[in-house]
Amino acid sequence: MACAAGVREEIRVLPGGVRFRVHQPAAASVSVAGDFNGWSHTAHPMTRAGDYWTATIRLPPGEYLFTYVVDGTQFITPNGAEVVPDGFGGRNARIVVP
């Protein structure tokens, strides 16, 4: 998703890694969980900046599934990302790192 004024969420492949950004003003914590970290709720915590949470994660080329974990229990599928069924009735986001 391209960065533009008013963007609430972003997943962008950059030279230094994949930048994740999500708007969660009421959250006490947000992390990125995916197949690249064994779906860990704690391996990739995001940093708060106002109402937004961000993290940049170095990932080798490949295809990855992920979701956001808010306050350790709530799973949030990113808006604006390609989504795929998770096999449990929910959805995960998909990103391809070239």
PDB file of N, CA and C in Angstrom:
ATOM      1  N   MET A   1       0.859  -1.167   0.000  1.00  0.00           N
ATOM      2  CA  MET A   1       0.000   0.000   0.000  1.00  0.00           C
ATOM      3  C   MET A   1       0.903   1.226   0.000  1.00  0.00           C
ATOM      4  N   ALA A   2       0.680   2.145  -0.873  1.00  0.00           N
ATOM      5  CA  ALA A   2       1.522   3.333  -0.987  1.00  0.00           C
ATOM      6  C   ALA A   2       1.238   4.308   0.139  1.00  0.00           C
ATOM      7  N   CYS A   3       2.273   5.025   0.515  1.00  0.00           N
ATOM      8  CA  CYS A   3       2.126   6.030   1.565  1.00  0.00           C
ATOM      9  C   CYS A   3       1.497   7.284   0.964  1.00  0.00           C
ATOM     10  N   ALA A   4       0.505   7.797   1.617  1.00  0.00           N
ATOM     11  CA  ALA A   4      -0.163   9.018   1.159  1.00  0.00           C
ATOM     12  C   ALA A   4      -0.788   9.684   2.370  1.00  0.00           C
ATOM     13  N   ALA A   5      -1.165  10.919   2.199  1.00  0.00           N
ATOM     14  CA  ALA A   5      -1.815  11.631   3.302  1.00  0.00           C
ATOM     15  C   ALA A   5      -3.053  10.854   3.724  1.00  0.00           C
ATOM     16  N   GLY A   6      -3.217  10.678   5.014  1.00  0.00           N
ATOM     17  CA  GLY A   6      -4.391   9.982   5.520  1.00  0.00           C
ATOM     18  C   GLY A   6      -4.264   8.478   5.553  1.00  0.00           C
ATOM     19  N   VAL A   7      -3.104   7.914   5.176  1.00  0.00           N
ATOM     20  CA  VAL A   7      -2.932   6.469   5.205  1.00  0.00           C
ATOM     21  C   VAL A   7      -2.979   5.996   6.647  1.00  0.00           C
ATOM     22  N   ARG A   8      -3.820   5.033   6.918  1.00  0.00           N
ATOM     23  CA  ARG A   8      -3.965   4.510   8.272  1.00  0.00           C
ATOM     24  C   ARG A   8      -3.152   3.238   8.464  1.00  0.00           C
ATOM     25  N   GLU A   9      -2.918   2.499   7.405  1.00  0.00           N
ATOM     26  CA  GLU A   9      -2.130   1.279   7.482  1.00  0.00           C
ATOM     27  C   GLU A   9      -1.192   1.227   6.293  1.00  0.00           C
ATOM     28  N   GLU A  10      -0.063   0.560   6.510  1.00  0.00           N
ATOM     29  CA  GLU A  10       0.910   0.460   5.434  1.00  0.00           C
ATOM     30  C   GLU A  10       1.727  -0.805   5.612  1.00  0.00           C
ATOM     31  N   ILE A  11       1.962  -1.492   4.518  1.00  0.00           N
ATOM     32  CA  ILE A  11       2.901  -2.591   4.446  1.00  0.00           C
ATOM     33  C   ILE A  11       3.749  -2.285   3.228  1.00  0.00           C
ATOM     34  N   ARG A  12       5.028  -1.993   3.462  1.00  0.00           N
ATOM     35  CA  ARG A  12       5.874  -1.562   2.360  1.00  0.00           C
ATOM     36  C   ARG A  12       7.216  -2.278   2.409  1.00  0.00           C
ATOM     37  N   VAL A  13       7.625  -2.842   1.257  1.00  0.00           N
ATOM     38  CA  VAL A  13       8.940  -3.465   1.140  1.00  0.00           C
ATOM     39  C   VAL A  13       9.941  -2.362   0.837  1.00  0.00           C
ATOM     40  N   LEU A  14      10.941  -2.228   1.728  1.00  0.00           N
ATOM     41  CA  LEU A  14      11.989  -1.223   1.598  1.00  0.00           C
ATOM     42  C   LEU A  14      13.341  -1.928   1.533  1.00  0.00           C
ATOM     43  N   PRO A  15      14.402  -1.229   1.145  1.00  0.00           N
ATOM     44  CA  PRO A  15      15.722  -1.880   1.109  1.00  0.00           C
ATOM     45  C   PRO A  15      16.152  -2.471   2.455  1.00  0.00           C
ATOM     46  N   GLY A  16      15.733  -1.872   3.575  1.00  0.00           N
ATOM     47  CA  GLY A  16      16.132  -2.353   4.896  1.00  0.00           C
ATOM     48  C   GLY A  16      15.194  -3.369   5.507  1.00  0.00           C
ATOM     49  N   GLY A  17      14.114  -3.708   4.841  1.00  0.00           N
ATOM     50  CA  GLY A  17      13.155  -4.665   5.379  1.00  0.00           C
ATOM     51  C   GLY A  17      11.733  -4.286   5.022  1.00  0.00           C
ATOM     52  N   VAL A  18      10.791  -4.962   5.616  1.00  0.00           N
ATOM     53  CA  VAL A  18       9.374  -4.692   5.377  1.00  0.00           C
ATOM     54  C   VAL A  18       8.876  -3.803   6.514  1.00  0.00           C
ATOM     55  N   ARG A  19       8.295  -2.650   6.144  1.00  0.00           N
ATOM     56  CA  ARG A  19       7.750  -1.743   7.156  1.00  0.00           C
ATOM     57  C   ARG A  19       6.259  -2.011   7.302  1.00  0.00           C
ATOM     58  N   PHE A  20       5.866  -2.241   8.546  1.00  0.00           N
ATOM     59  CA  PHE A  20       4.471  -2.461   8.909  1.00  0.00           C
ATOM     60  C   PHE A  20       4.023  -1.250   9.722  1.00  0.00           C
ATOM     61  N   ARG A  21       2.845  -0.743   9.421  1.00  0.00           N
ATOM     62  CA  ARG A  21       2.299   0.417  10.139  1.00  0.00           C
ATOM     63  C   ARG A  21       0.797   0.210  10.278  1.00  0.00           C
ATOM     64  N   VAL A  22       0.292   0.393  11.486  1.00  0.00           N
ATOM     65  CA  VAL A  22      -1.132   0.173  11.727  1.00  0.00           C
ATOM     66  C   VAL A  22      -1.648   1.209  12.721  1.00  0.00           C
ATOM     67  N   HIS A  23      -2.876   1.630  12.531  1.00  0.00           N
ATOM     68  CA  HIS A  23      -3.539   2.607  13.386  1.00  0.00           C
ATOM     69  C   HIS A  23      -4.321   1.847  14.447  1.00  0.00           C
ATOM     70  N   GLN A  24      -3.848   1.938  15.695  1.00  0.00           N
ATOM     71  CA  GLN A  24      -4.518   1.275  16.817  1.00  0.00           C
ATOM     72  C   GLN A  24      -4.394   2.181  18.039  1.00  0.00           C
ATOM     73  N   PRO A  25      -5.157   3.283  18.075  1.00  0.00           N
ATOM     74  CA  PRO A  25      -4.984   4.281  19.140  1.00  0.00           C
ATOM     75  C   PRO A  25      -5.282   3.777  20.548  1.00  0.00           C
ATOM     76  N   ALA A  26      -6.136   2.789  20.703  1.00  0.00           N
ATOM     77  CA  ALA A  26      -6.506   2.321  22.046  1.00  0.00           C
ATOM     78  C   ALA A  26      -5.628   1.171  22.541  1.00  0.00           C
ATOM     79  N   ALA A  27      -4.723   0.689  21.700  1.00  0.00           N
ATOM     80  CA  ALA A  27      -3.916  -0.484  22.062  1.00  0.00           C
ATOM     81  C   ALA A  27      -2.836  -0.150  23.080  1.00  0.00           C
ATOM     82  N   ALA A  28      -2.564  -1.112  23.952  1.00  0.00           N
ATOM     83  CA  ALA A  28      -1.433  -1.014  24.873  1.00  0.00           C
ATOM     84  C   ALA A  28      -0.188  -1.651  24.257  1.00  0.00           C
ATOM     85  N   SER A  29      -0.390  -2.601  23.339  1.00  0.00           N
ATOM     86  CA  SER A  29       0.726  -3.234  22.628  1.00  0.00           C
ATOM     87  C   SER A  29       0.223  -3.776  21.300  1.00  0.00           C
ATOM     88  N   VAL A  30       1.123  -3.795  20.316  1.00  0.00           N
ATOM     89  CA  VAL A  30       0.827  -4.385  19.009  1.00  0.00           C
ATOM     90  C   VAL A  30       2.097  -5.091  18.544  1.00  0.00           C
ATOM     91  N   SER A  31       1.937  -6.260  17.946  1.00  0.00           N
ATOM     92  CA  SER A  31       3.075  -6.972  17.380  1.00  0.00           C
ATOM     93  C   SER A  31       2.683  -7.553  16.034  1.00  0.00           C
ATOM     94  N   VAL A  32       3.700  -7.967  15.276  1.00  0.00           N
ATOM     95  CA  VAL A  32       3.486  -8.627  13.994  1.00  0.00           C
ATOM     96  C   VAL A  32       3.771 -10.101  14.203  1.00  0.00           C
ATOM     97  N   ALA A  33       2.793 -10.941  13.931  1.00  0.00           N
ATOM     98  CA  ALA A  33       2.959 -12.386  14.015  1.00  0.00           C
ATOM     99  C   ALA A  33       2.789 -12.964  12.621  1.00  0.00           C
ATOM    100  N   GLY A  34       3.667 -13.889  12.257  1.00  0.00           N
ATOM    101  CA  GLY A  34       3.567 -14.469  10.926  1.00  0.00           C
ATOM    102  C   GLY A  34       4.312 -15.783  10.822  1.00  0.00           C
ATOM    103  N   ASP A  35       4.231 -16.364   9.634  1.00  0.00           N
ATOM    104  CA  ASP A  35       4.928 -17.628   9.431  1.00  0.00           C
ATOM    105  C   ASP A  35       6.436 -17.443   9.486  1.00  0.00           C
ATOM    106  N   PHE A  36       6.930 -16.221   9.373  1.00  0.00           N
ATOM    107  CA  PHE A  36       8.364 -15.939   9.453  1.00  0.00           C
ATOM    108  C   PHE A  36       8.890 -15.942  10.887  1.00  0.00           C
ATOM    109  N   ASN A  37       8.003 -15.926  11.890  1.00  0.00           N
ATOM    110  CA  ASN A  37       8.449 -15.961  13.293  1.00  0.00           C
ATOM    111  C   ASN A  37       7.684 -17.008  14.112  1.00  0.00           C
ATOM    112  N   GLY A  38       7.154 -18.011  13.411  1.00  0.00           N
ATOM    113  CA  GLY A  38       6.425 -19.073  14.109  1.00  0.00           C
ATOM    114  C   GLY A  38       5.125 -18.605  14.735  1.00  0.00           C
ATOM    115  N   TRP A  39       4.566 -17.512  14.202  1.00  0.00           N
ATOM    116  CA  TRP A  39       3.329 -16.914  14.684  1.00  0.00           C
ATOM    117  C   TRP A  39       3.453 -16.439  16.141  1.00  0.00           C
ATOM    118  N   SER A  40       4.659 -16.036  16.509  1.00  0.00           N
ATOM    119  CA  SER A  40       4.910 -15.544  17.854  1.00  0.00           C
ATOM    120  C   SER A  40       4.226 -14.200  18.086  1.00  0.00           C
ATOM    121  N   HIS A  41       3.612 -14.062  19.245  1.00  0.00           N
ATOM    122  CA  HIS A  41       2.957 -12.801  19.615  1.00  0.00           C
ATOM    123  C   HIS A  41       3.946 -11.800  20.183  1.00  0.00           C
ATOM    124  N   THR A  42       5.185 -12.226  20.435  1.00  0.00           N
ATOM    125  CA  THR A  42       6.160 -11.352  21.089  1.00  0.00           C
ATOM    126  C   THR A  42       7.454 -11.144  20.303  1.00  0.00           C
ATOM    127  N   ALA A  43       7.702 -11.914  19.259  1.00  0.00           N
ATOM    128  CA  ALA A  43       8.976 -11.846  18.540  1.00  0.00           C
ATOM    129  C   ALA A  43       9.205 -10.513  17.834  1.00  0.00           C
ATOM    130  N   HIS A  44       8.145  -9.871  17.347  1.00  0.00           N
ATOM    131  CA  HIS A  44       8.287  -8.616  16.607  1.00  0.00           C
ATOM    132  C   HIS A  44       7.318  -7.562  17.142  1.00  0.00           C
ATOM    133  N   PRO A  45       7.628  -7.003  18.314  1.00  0.00           N
ATOM    134  CA  PRO A  45       6.770  -5.933  18.836  1.00  0.00           C
ATOM    135  C   PRO A  45       6.888  -4.677  17.984  1.00  0.00           C
ATOM    136  N   MET A  46       5.821  -3.933  17.921  1.00  0.00           N
ATOM    137  CA  MET A  46       5.803  -2.681  17.177  1.00  0.00           C
ATOM    138  C   MET A  46       6.010  -1.521  18.154  1.00  0.00           C
ATOM    139  N   THR A  47       6.477  -0.400  17.615  1.00  0.00           N
ATOM    140  CA  THR A  47       6.739   0.787  18.412  1.00  0.00           C
ATOM    141  C   THR A  47       5.628   1.803  18.195  1.00  0.00           C
ATOM    142  N   ARG A  48       5.157   2.379  19.285  1.00  0.00           N
ATOM    143  CA  ARG A  48       4.074   3.364  19.200  1.00  0.00           C
ATOM    144  C   ARG A  48       4.620   4.747  18.855  1.00  0.00           C
ATOM    145  N   ALA A  49       3.906   5.421  17.950  1.00  0.00           N
ATOM    146  CA  ALA A  49       4.167   6.821  17.613  1.00  0.00           C
ATOM    147  C   ALA A  49       2.793   7.480  17.487  1.00  0.00           C
ATOM    148  N   GLY A  50       2.319   8.080  18.571  1.00  0.00           N
ATOM    149  CA  GLY A  50       0.968   8.646  18.585  1.00  0.00           C
ATOM    150  C   GLY A  50      -0.056   7.539  18.540  1.00  0.00           C
ATOM    151  N   ASP A  51      -0.950   7.588  17.556  1.00  0.00           N
ATOM    152  CA  ASP A  51      -1.992   6.573  17.403  1.00  0.00           C
ATOM    153  C   ASP A  51      -1.554   5.411  16.509  1.00  0.00           C
ATOM    154  N   TYR A  52      -0.313   5.462  16.014  1.00  0.00           N
ATOM    155  CA  TYR A  52       0.186   4.468  15.065  1.00  0.00           C
ATOM    156  C   TYR A  52       1.257   3.595  15.691  1.00  0.00           C
ATOM    157  N   TRP A  53       1.342   2.393  15.204  1.00  0.00           N
ATOM    158  CA  TRP A  53       2.356   1.432  15.624  1.00  0.00           C
ATOM    159  C   TRP A  53       3.142   1.020  14.388  1.00  0.00           C
ATOM    160  N   THR A  54       4.478   0.952  14.499  1.00  0.00           N
ATOM    161  CA  THR A  54       5.312   0.597  13.357  1.00  0.00           C
ATOM    162  C   THR A  54       6.377  -0.417  13.754  1.00  0.00           C
ATOM    163  N   ALA A  55       6.810  -1.179  12.759  1.00  0.00           N
ATOM    164  CA  ALA A  55       7.941  -2.096  12.909  1.00  0.00           C
ATOM    165  C   ALA A  55       8.524  -2.315  11.523  1.00  0.00           C
ATOM    166  N   THR A  56       9.826  -2.446  11.455  1.00  0.00           N
ATOM    167  CA  THR A  56      10.497  -2.827  10.219  1.00  0.00           C
ATOM    168  C   THR A  56      11.202  -4.142  10.492  1.00  0.00           C
ATOM    169  N   ILE A  57      10.894  -5.134   9.658  1.00  0.00           N
ATOM    170  CA  ILE A  57      11.417  -6.487   9.856  1.00  0.00           C
ATOM    171  C   ILE A  57      12.166  -6.918   8.600  1.00  0.00           C
ATOM    172  N   ARG A  58      13.424  -7.347   8.787  1.00  0.00           N
ATOM    173  CA  ARG A  58      14.212  -7.870   7.669  1.00  0.00           C
ATOM    174  C   ARG A  58      13.707  -9.270   7.333  1.00  0.00           C
ATOM    175  N   LEU A  59      13.305  -9.437   6.093  1.00  0.00           N
ATOM    176  CA  LEU A  59      12.833 -10.743   5.628  1.00  0.00           C
ATOM    177  C   LEU A  59      13.537 -11.079   4.317  1.00  0.00           C
ATOM    178  N   PRO A  60      14.031 -12.309   4.169  1.00  0.00           N
ATOM    179  CA  PRO A  60      14.622 -12.702   2.887  1.00  0.00           C
ATOM    180  C   PRO A  60      13.532 -12.806   1.823  1.00  0.00           C
ATOM    181  N   PRO A  61      13.933 -12.831   0.554  1.00  0.00           N
ATOM    182  CA  PRO A  61      12.925 -12.971  -0.501  1.00  0.00           C
ATOM    183  C   PRO A  61      12.032 -14.184  -0.253  1.00  0.00           C
ATOM    184  N   GLY A  62      10.759 -13.987  -0.526  1.00  0.00           N
ATOM    185  CA  GLY A  62       9.804 -15.075  -0.352  1.00  0.00           C
ATOM    186  C   GLY A  62       8.406 -14.548  -0.136  1.00  0.00           C
ATOM    187  N   GLU A  63       7.494 -15.451   0.091  1.00  0.00           N
ATOM    188  CA  GLU A  63       6.086 -15.133   0.338  1.00  0.00           C
ATOM    189  C   GLU A  63       5.793 -15.408   1.806  1.00  0.00           C
ATOM    190  N   TYR A  64       5.114 -14.467   2.456  1.00  0.00           N
ATOM    191  CA  TYR A  64       4.868 -14.570   3.890  1.00  0.00           C
ATOM    192  C   TYR A  64       3.413 -14.256   4.224  1.00  0.00           C
ATOM    193  N   LEU A  65       2.916 -14.934   5.258  1.00  0.00           N
ATOM    194  CA  LEU A  65       1.593 -14.656   5.808  1.00  0.00           C
ATOM    195  C   LEU A  65       1.793 -14.026   7.175  1.00  0.00           C
ATOM    196  N   PHE A  66       0.925 -13.075   7.528  1.00  0.00           N
ATOM    197  CA  PHE A  66       1.065 -12.404   8.820  1.00  0.00           C
ATOM    198  C   PHE A  66      -0.252 -11.785   9.253  1.00  0.00           C
ATOM    199  N   THR A  67      -0.279 -11.356  10.515  1.00  0.00           N
ATOM    200  CA  THR A  67      -1.394 -10.623  11.094  1.00  0.00           C
ATOM    201  C   THR A  67      -0.840  -9.740  12.208  1.00  0.00           C
ATOM    202  N   TYR A  68      -1.642  -8.816  12.687  1.00  0.00           N
ATOM    203  CA  TYR A  68      -1.250  -8.014  13.842  1.00  0.00           C
ATOM    204  C   TYR A  68      -1.905  -8.607  15.086  1.00  0.00           C
ATOM    205  N   VAL A  69      -1.181  -8.557  16.197  1.00  0.00           N
ATOM    206  CA  VAL A  69      -1.712  -9.017  17.475  1.00  0.00           C
ATOM    207  C   VAL A  69      -1.794  -7.803  18.396  1.00  0.00           C
ATOM    208  N   VAL A  70      -3.009  -7.444  18.771  1.00  0.00           N
ATOM    209  CA  VAL A  70      -3.244  -6.269  19.602  1.00  0.00           C
ATOM    210  C   VAL A  70      -3.499  -6.728  21.038  1.00  0.00           C
ATOM    211  N   ASP A  71      -2.737  -6.151  21.943  1.00  0.00           N
ATOM    212  CA  ASP A  71      -2.857  -6.454  23.376  1.00  0.00           C
ATOM    213  C   ASP A  71      -2.750  -7.951  23.682  1.00  0.00           C
ATOM    214  N   GLY A  72      -2.008  -8.656  22.858  1.00  0.00           N
ATOM    215  CA  GLY A  72      -1.719 -10.064  23.098  1.00  0.00           C
ATOM    216  C   GLY A  72      -2.826 -11.048  22.797  1.00  0.00           C
ATOM    217  N   THR A  73      -4.037 -10.551  22.458  1.00  0.00           N
ATOM    218  CA  THR A  73      -5.160 -11.485  22.274  1.00  0.00           C
ATOM    219  C   THR A  73      -6.012 -11.231  21.033  1.00  0.00           C
ATOM    220  N   GLN A  74      -6.010 -10.021  20.515  1.00  0.00           N
ATOM    221  CA  GLN A  74      -6.880  -9.675  19.388  1.00  0.00           C
ATOM    222  C   GLN A  74      -6.074  -9.711  18.092  1.00  0.00           C
ATOM    223  N   PHE A  75      -6.555 -10.479  17.121  1.00  0.00           N
ATOM    224  CA  PHE A  75      -5.877 -10.596  15.838  1.00  0.00           C
ATOM    225  C   PHE A  75      -6.538  -9.664  14.836  1.00  0.00           C
ATOM    226  N   ILE A  76      -5.733  -8.817  14.184  1.00  0.00           N
ATOM    227  CA  ILE A  76      -6.220  -7.819  13.234  1.00  0.00           C
ATOM    228  C   ILE A  76      -5.626  -8.104  11.873  1.00  0.00           C
ATOM    229  N   THR A  77      -6.475  -8.346  10.880  1.00  0.00           N
ATOM    230  CA  THR A  77      -6.013  -8.513   9.505  1.00  0.00           C
ATOM    231  C   THR A  77      -5.815  -7.142   8.895  1.00  0.00           C
ATOM    232  N   PRO A  78      -4.633  -6.855   8.349  1.00  0.00           N
ATOM    233  CA  PRO A  78      -4.373  -5.532   7.771  1.00  0.00           C
ATOM    234  C   PRO A  78      -5.334  -5.180   6.637  1.00  0.00           C
ATOM    235  N   ASN A  79      -5.769  -3.930   6.620  1.00  0.00           N
ATOM    236  CA  ASN A  79      -6.552  -3.405   5.507  1.00  0.00           C
ATOM    237  C   ASN A  79      -5.608  -3.100   4.358  1.00  0.00           C
ATOM    238  N   GLY A  80      -6.081  -3.232   3.146  1.00  0.00           N
ATOM    239  CA  GLY A  80      -5.284  -2.867   1.988  1.00  0.00           C
ATOM    240  C   GLY A  80      -4.259  -3.899   1.578  1.00  0.00           C
ATOM    241  N   ALA A  81      -4.190  -5.012   2.290  1.00  0.00           N
ATOM    242  CA  ALA A  81      -3.252  -6.075   1.939  1.00  0.00           C
ATOM    243  C   ALA A  81      -4.024  -7.220   1.302  1.00  0.00           C
ATOM    244  N   GLU A  82      -3.332  -8.015   0.528  1.00  0.00           N
ATOM    245  CA  GLU A  82      -3.950  -9.225   0.006  1.00  0.00           C
ATOM    246  C   GLU A  82      -4.214 -10.144   1.195  1.00  0.00           C
ATOM    247  N   VAL A  83      -5.392 -10.717   1.260  1.00  0.00           N
ATOM    248  CA  VAL A  83      -5.726 -11.607   2.366  1.00  0.00           C
ATOM    249  C   VAL A  83      -6.030 -13.009   1.854  1.00  0.00           C
ATOM    250  N   VAL A  84      -5.723 -13.981   2.695  1.00  0.00           N
ATOM    251  CA  VAL A  84      -5.974 -15.387   2.366  1.00  0.00           C
ATOM    252  C   VAL A  84      -6.598 -16.045   3.587  1.00  0.00           C
ATOM    253  N   PRO A  85      -7.402 -17.087   3.391  1.00  0.00           N
ATOM    254  CA  PRO A  85      -7.985 -17.796   4.536  1.00  0.00           C
ATOM    255  C   PRO A  85      -6.886 -18.399   5.408  1.00  0.00           C
ATOM    256  N   ASP A  86      -7.099 -18.390   6.725  1.00  0.00           N
ATOM    257  CA  ASP A  86      -6.091 -18.934   7.639  1.00  0.00           C
ATOM    258  C   ASP A  86      -6.318 -20.401   7.988  1.00  0.00           C
ATOM    259  N   GLY A  87      -7.400 -20.994   7.469  1.00  0.00           N
ATOM    260  CA  GLY A  87      -7.692 -22.393   7.756  1.00  0.00           C
ATOM    261  C   GLY A  87      -8.500 -22.598   9.030  1.00  0.00           C
ATOM    262  N   PHE A  88      -8.785 -21.499   9.754  1.00  0.00           N
ATOM    263  CA  PHE A  88      -9.544 -21.578  11.003  1.00  0.00           C
ATOM    264  C   PHE A  88     -10.756 -20.653  10.979  1.00  0.00           C
ATOM    265  N   GLY A  89     -11.157 -20.219   9.787  1.00  0.00           N
ATOM    266  CA  GLY A  89     -12.302 -19.330   9.649  1.00  0.00           C
ATOM    267  C   GLY A  89     -11.949 -17.854   9.647  1.00  0.00           C
ATOM    268  N   GLY A  90     -10.682 -17.536   9.801  1.00  0.00           N
ATOM    269  CA  GLY A  90     -10.227 -16.142   9.772  1.00  0.00           C
ATOM    270  C   GLY A  90      -9.415 -15.866   8.529  1.00  0.00           C
ATOM    271  N   ARG A  91      -8.697 -14.749   8.558  1.00  0.00           N
ATOM    272  CA  ARG A  91      -7.889 -14.360   7.407  1.00  0.00           C
ATOM    273  C   ARG A  91      -6.515 -13.871   7.874  1.00  0.00           C
ATOM    274  N   ASN A  92      -5.525 -14.076   7.017  1.00  0.00           N
ATOM    275  CA  ASN A  92      -4.192 -13.532   7.227  1.00  0.00           C
ATOM    276  C   ASN A  92      -3.844 -12.681   6.016  1.00  0.00           C
ATOM    277  N   ALA A  93      -2.926 -11.756   6.214  1.00  0.00           N
ATOM    278  CA  ALA A  93      -2.422 -10.961   5.103  1.00  0.00           C
ATOM    279  C   ALA A  93      -1.260 -11.709   4.454  1.00  0.00           C
ATOM    280  N   ARG A  94      -1.047 -11.423   3.195  1.00  0.00           N
ATOM    281  CA  ARG A  94       0.034 -12.047   2.435  1.00  0.00           C
ATOM    282  C   ARG A  94       0.907 -10.948   1.847  1.00  0.00           C
ATOM    283  N   ILE A  95       2.231 -11.124   1.923  1.00  0.00           N
ATOM    284  CA  ILE A  95       3.160 -10.193   1.303  1.00  0.00           C
ATOM    285  C   ILE A  95       4.239 -10.995   0.599  1.00  0.00           C
ATOM    286  N   VAL A  96       4.691 -10.479  -0.532  1.00  0.00           N
ATOM    287  CA  VAL A  96       5.786 -11.095  -1.281  1.00  0.00           C
ATOM    288  C   VAL A  96       6.973 -10.147  -1.242  1.00  0.00           C
ATOM    289  N   VAL A  97       8.107 -10.657  -0.775  1.00  0.00           N
ATOM    290  CA  VAL A  97       9.345  -9.886  -0.753  1.00  0.00           C
ATOM    291  C   VAL A  97      10.179 -10.350  -1.940  1.00  0.00           C
ATOM    292  N   PRO A  98      10.427  -9.436  -2.896  1.00  0.00           N
ATOM    293  CA  PRO A  98      11.173  -9.857  -4.102  1.00  0.00           C
ATOM    294  C   PRO A  98      12.645 -10.172  -3.813  1.00  0.00           C
TER     295      PRO A  98
END
